[in-house]
C-alpha atoms as a PDB file:
ATOM      1  CA  MET A   1    -127.672  53.634 -32.113  1.00  0.00           C
ATOM      2  CA  LYS A   2    -123.996  52.831 -30.901  1.00  0.00           C
ATOM      3  CA  LEU A   3    -122.602  55.751 -32.895  1.00  0.00           C
ATOM      4  CA  HIS A   4    -125.090  58.121 -31.425  1.00  0.00           C
ATOM      5  CA  ARG A   5    -124.233  56.736 -27.687  1.00  0.00           C
ATOM      6  CA  PHE A   6    -120.386  57.370 -28.924  1.00  0.00           C
ATOM      7  CA  MET A   7    -121.190  61.154 -29.950  1.00  0.00           C
ATOM      8  CA  LEU A   8    -123.154  61.692 -27.047  1.00  0.00           C
ATOM      9  CA  SER A   9    -120.401  60.721 -24.374  1.00  0.00           C
ATOM     10  CA  LEU A  10    -117.698  62.560 -26.369  1.00  0.00           C
ATOM     11  CA  PRO A  11    -118.596  65.789 -24.318  1.00  0.00           C
ATOM     12  CA  ASN A  12    -118.138  63.978 -21.160  1.00  0.00           C
ATOM     13  CA  PHE A  13    -114.854  62.593 -21.725  1.00  0.00           C
ATOM     14  CA  ASP A  14    -113.838  66.043 -22.988  1.00  0.00           C
ATOM     15  CA  ASN A  15    -115.037  67.373 -19.326  1.00  0.00           C
ATOM     16  CA  GLN A  16    -113.402  64.510 -17.293  1.00  0.00           C
ATOM     17  CA  ARG A  17    -110.185  65.219 -19.814  1.00  0.00           C
ATOM     18  CA  LEU A  18    -110.432  68.965 -18.873  1.00  0.00           C
ATOM     19  CA  ILE A  19    -110.731  68.514 -15.165  1.00  0.00           C
ATOM     20  CA  PHE A  20    -107.861  66.156 -14.924  1.00  0.00           C
ATOM     21  CA  HIS A  21    -105.845  68.682 -16.955  1.00  0.00           C
ATOM     22  CA  ALA A  22    -106.436  71.731 -14.792  1.00  0.00           C
ATOM     23  CA  ALA A  23    -106.121  69.538 -11.382  1.00  0.00           C
ATOM     24  CA  ARG A  24    -102.729  68.504 -12.916  1.00  0.00           C
ATOM     25  CA  GLN A  25    -102.005  72.694 -13.839  1.00  0.00           C
ATOM     26  CA  THR A  26    -102.867  73.003 -10.318  1.00  0.00           C
ATOM     27  CA  VAL A  27    -100.791  70.949  -8.790  1.00  0.00           C
ATOM     28  CA  ARG A  28     -97.662  71.973 -10.899  1.00  0.00           C
ATOM     29  CA  LYS A  29     -98.408  75.609  -9.736  1.00  0.00           C
ATOM     30  CA  ALA A  30     -98.713  74.477  -6.344  1.00  0.00           C
ATOM     31  CA  GLU A  31     -95.044  72.587  -6.539  1.00  0.00           C
ATOM     32  CA  MET A  32     -93.681  75.757  -8.454  1.00  0.00           C
ATOM     33  CA  ALA A  33     -94.887  77.878  -5.772  1.00  0.00           C
ATOM     34  CA  ARG A  34     -93.394  75.507  -3.168  1.00  0.00           C
ATOM     35  CA  ILE A  35     -90.183  75.688  -4.487  1.00  0.00           C
ATOM     36  CA  ALA A  36     -89.914  79.495  -4.871  1.00  0.00           C
ATOM     37  CA  VAL A  37     -91.063  79.897  -1.347  1.00  0.00           C
ATOM     38  CA  HIS A  38     -88.618  77.610  -0.038  1.00  0.00           C
ATOM     39  CA  GLU A  39     -85.672  78.807  -1.944  1.00  0.00           C
ATOM     40  CA  TRP A  40     -86.870  82.566  -0.815  1.00  0.00           C
ATOM     41  CA  LEU A  41     -86.869  81.306   2.854  1.00  0.00           C
ATOM     42  CA  ASN A  42     -83.337  79.942   2.453  1.00  0.00           C
ATOM     43  CA  GLN A  43     -82.267  83.051   0.961  1.00  0.00           C
ATOM     44  CA  HIS A  44     -83.552  85.259   4.065  1.00  0.00           C
ATOM     45  CA  ASP A  45     -83.284  82.606   6.728  1.00  0.00           C
ATOM     46  CA  SER A  46     -80.733  84.855   8.913  1.00  0.00           C
ATOM     47  CA  GLU A  47     -83.309  87.969   8.458  1.00  0.00           C
ATOM     48  CA  LEU A  48     -86.334  85.787   9.553  1.00  0.00           C
ATOM     49  CA  GLU A  49     -84.288  84.864  12.673  1.00  0.00           C
ATOM     50  CA  GLU A  50     -83.351  88.367  13.391  1.00  0.00           C
ATOM     51  CA  TRP A  51     -87.158  89.080  12.802  1.00  0.00           C
ATOM     52  CA  LYS A  52     -88.161  86.662  15.022  1.00  0.00           C
ATOM     53  CA  ALA A  53     -85.705  87.405  17.784  1.00  0.00           C
ATOM     54  CA  LYS A  54     -86.599  91.316  18.097  1.00  0.00           C
ATOM     55  CA  THR A  55     -90.526  90.603  17.895  1.00  0.00           C
ATOM     56  CA  ALA A  56     -89.837  87.980  20.730  1.00  0.00           C
ATOM     57  CA  SER A  57     -87.749  90.492  22.786  1.00  0.00           C
ATOM     58  CA  GLU A  58     -90.068  92.933  22.173  1.00  0.00           C
ATOM     59  CA  LEU A  59     -93.134  90.929  23.143  1.00  0.00           C
ATOM     60  CA  GLY A  60     -91.420  89.596  26.258  1.00  0.00           C
ATOM     61  CA  ILE A  61     -91.461  86.071  25.396  1.00  0.00           C
ATOM     62  CA  SER A  62     -89.276  83.350  23.735  1.00  0.00           C
ATOM     63  CA  VAL A  63     -88.978  82.667  20.141  1.00  0.00           C
ATOM     64  CA  SER A  64     -90.304  79.111  20.586  1.00  0.00           C
ATOM     65  CA  GLU A  65     -93.594  81.044  21.836  1.00  0.00           C
ATOM     66  CA  LEU A  66     -93.295  83.260  19.240  1.00  0.00           C
ATOM     67  CA  GLU A  67     -93.187  80.537  16.558  1.00  0.00           C
ATOM     68  CA  LYS A  68     -96.158  78.429  18.409  1.00  0.00           C
ATOM     69  CA  ARG A  69     -98.231  81.634  18.817  1.00  0.00           C
ATOM     70  CA  LEU A  70     -97.543  82.472  14.894  1.00  0.00           C
ATOM     71  CA  LEU A  71     -98.432  78.882  13.852  1.00  0.00           C
ATOM     72  CA  ASP A  72    -101.446  78.929  16.054  1.00  0.00           C
ATOM     73  CA  ALA A  73    -102.440  82.413  14.270  1.00  0.00           C
ATOM     74  CA  ALA A  74    -102.120  80.615  10.892  1.00  0.00           C
ATOM     75  CA  GLN A  75    -103.942  77.500  11.589  1.00  0.00           C
ATOM     76  CA  SER A  76    -107.092  79.522  13.004  1.00  0.00           C
ATOM     77  CA  ARG A  77    -107.276  81.525   9.514  1.00  0.00           C
ATOM     78  CA  SER A  78    -107.370  78.656   7.886  1.00  0.00           C
ATOM     79  CA  ASN A  79    -110.226  77.172   9.930  1.00  0.00           C
END
């Protein structure tokens, strides 16, 4: 009877192991993406600053106001 219970629990163990493995892969992929974005932002920082200054000027607002609006828009999309 104990062997029978052990055999029934193997699929459950395998499912938990697969879920853990998938979660670990997801975290690793997210970290790789974060690093890639961070590197891209560092390489294009001057271009981004120029774009923000130009866009803020066209809108007649300060760069900090533009950044606030961009952040607010991004947060409202995620909600």
